Amino acid sequence: KYAEGETRYSLSKQNVEAAIE
């Protein structure tokens, strides 16, 4: 379950970085 949250956090981080660019 922790790994799932980690993956979701990673995707969210990528989306934020992509939105900034």
PDB file of N, CA and C in Angstrom:
ATOM      1  N   LYS A   1       0.850  -1.194   0.000  1.00  0.00           N
ATOM      2  CA  LYS A   1       0.000   0.000   0.000  1.00  0.00           C
ATOM      3  C   LYS A   1       0.891   1.251   0.000  1.00  0.00           C
ATOM      4  N   TYR A   2       1.992   1.204   0.705  1.00  0.00           N
ATOM      5  CA  TYR A   2       2.902   2.364   0.750  1.00  0.00           C
ATOM      6  C   TYR A   2       3.486   2.636  -0.636  1.00  0.00           C
ATOM      7  N   ALA A   3       3.799   1.559  -1.343  1.00  0.00           N
ATOM      8  CA  ALA A   3       4.377   1.707  -2.692  1.00  0.00           C
ATOM      9  C   ALA A   3       3.362   2.375  -3.616  1.00  0.00           C
ATOM     10  N   GLU A   4       2.094   2.060  -3.419  1.00  0.00           N
ATOM     11  CA  GLU A   4       1.045   2.644  -4.280  1.00  0.00           C
ATOM     12  C   GLU A   4       0.990   4.152  -4.054  1.00  0.00           C
ATOM     13  N   GLY A   5       1.050   4.569  -2.798  1.00  0.00           N
ATOM     14  CA  GLY A   5       1.022   6.001  -2.493  1.00  0.00           C
ATOM     15  C   GLY A   5       2.242   6.687  -3.072  1.00  0.00           C
ATOM     16  N   GLU A   6       3.373   5.984  -3.008  1.00  0.00           N
ATOM     17  CA  GLU A   6       4.624   6.552  -3.536  1.00  0.00           C
ATOM     18  C   GLU A   6       4.498   6.782  -5.040  1.00  0.00           C
ATOM     19  N   THR A   7       3.900   5.821  -5.747  1.00  0.00           N
ATOM     20  CA  THR A   7       3.729   5.941  -7.198  1.00  0.00           C
ATOM     21  C   THR A   7       2.788   7.090  -7.520  1.00  0.00           C
ATOM     22  N   ARG A   8       1.703   7.172  -6.763  1.00  0.00           N
ATOM     23  CA  ARG A   8       0.716   8.225  -6.999  1.00  0.00           C
ATOM     24  C   ARG A   8       1.351   9.589  -6.775  1.00  0.00           C
ATOM     25  N   TYR A   9       2.208   9.672  -5.755  1.00  0.00           N
ATOM     26  CA  TYR A   9       2.894  10.934  -5.453  1.00  0.00           C
ATOM     27  C   TYR A   9       3.843  11.289  -6.592  1.00  0.00           C
ATOM     28  N   SER A  10       4.495  10.276  -7.124  1.00  0.00           N
ATOM     29  CA  SER A  10       5.440  10.492  -8.240  1.00  0.00           C
ATOM     30  C   SER A  10       4.696  11.053  -9.449  1.00  0.00           C
ATOM     31  N   LEU A  11       3.549  10.448  -9.772  1.00  0.00           N
ATOM     32  CA  LEU A  11       2.784  10.906 -10.936  1.00  0.00           C
ATOM     33  C   LEU A  11       2.287  12.325 -10.715  1.00  0.00           C
ATOM     34  N   SER A  12       1.832  12.612  -9.502  1.00  0.00           N
ATOM     35  CA  SER A  12       1.345  13.961  -9.195  1.00  0.00           C
ATOM     36  C   SER A  12       2.471  14.966  -9.377  1.00  0.00           C
ATOM     37  N   LYS A  13       3.658  14.591  -8.923  1.00  0.00           N
ATOM     38  CA  LYS A  13       4.825  15.475  -9.028  1.00  0.00           C
ATOM     39  C   LYS A  13       5.144  15.737 -10.495  1.00  0.00           C
ATOM     40  N   GLN A  14       5.068  14.687 -11.318  1.00  0.00           N
ATOM     41  CA  GLN A  14       5.358  14.845 -12.742  1.00  0.00           C
ATOM     42  C   GLN A  14       4.325  15.759 -13.393  1.00  0.00           C
ATOM     43  N   ASN A  15       3.059  15.591 -13.008  1.00  0.00           N
ATOM     44  CA  ASN A  15       1.990  16.412 -13.578  1.00  0.00           C
ATOM     45  C   ASN A  15       2.211  17.872 -13.214  1.00  0.00           C
ATOM     46  N   VAL A  16       2.607  18.129 -11.993  1.00  0.00           N
ATOM     47  CA  VAL A  16       2.842  19.504 -11.540  1.00  0.00           C
ATOM     48  C   VAL A  16       3.993  20.104 -12.335  1.00  0.00           C
ATOM     49  N   GLU A  17       5.065  19.364 -12.488  1.00  0.00           N
ATOM     50  CA  GLU A  17       6.231  19.865 -13.231  1.00  0.00           C
ATOM     51  C   GLU A  17       5.861  20.110 -14.694  1.00  0.00           C
ATOM     52  N   ALA A  18       5.048  19.234 -15.256  1.00  0.00           N
ATOM     53  CA  ALA A  18       4.645  19.380 -16.656  1.00  0.00           C
ATOM     54  C   ALA A  18       3.747  20.615 -16.808  1.00  0.00           C
ATOM     55  N   ALA A  19       2.897  20.845 -15.814  1.00  0.00           N
ATOM     56  CA  ALA A  19       1.985  21.992 -15.869  1.00  0.00           C
ATOM     57  C   ALA A  19       2.769  23.301 -15.782  1.00  0.00           C
ATOM     58  N   ILE A  20       3.855  23.272 -15.018  1.00  0.00           N
ATOM     59  CA  ILE A  20       4.674  24.481 -14.849  1.00  0.00           C
ATOM     60  C   ILE A  20       5.362  24.845 -16.168  1.00  0.00           C
ATOM     61  N   GLU A  21       5.816  23.830 -16.891  1.00  0.00           N
ATOM     62  CA  GLU A  21       6.545  24.093 -18.133  1.00  0.00           C
ATOM     63  C   GLU A  21       5.688  24.673 -19.243  1.00  0.00           C
TER      64      GLU A  21
END
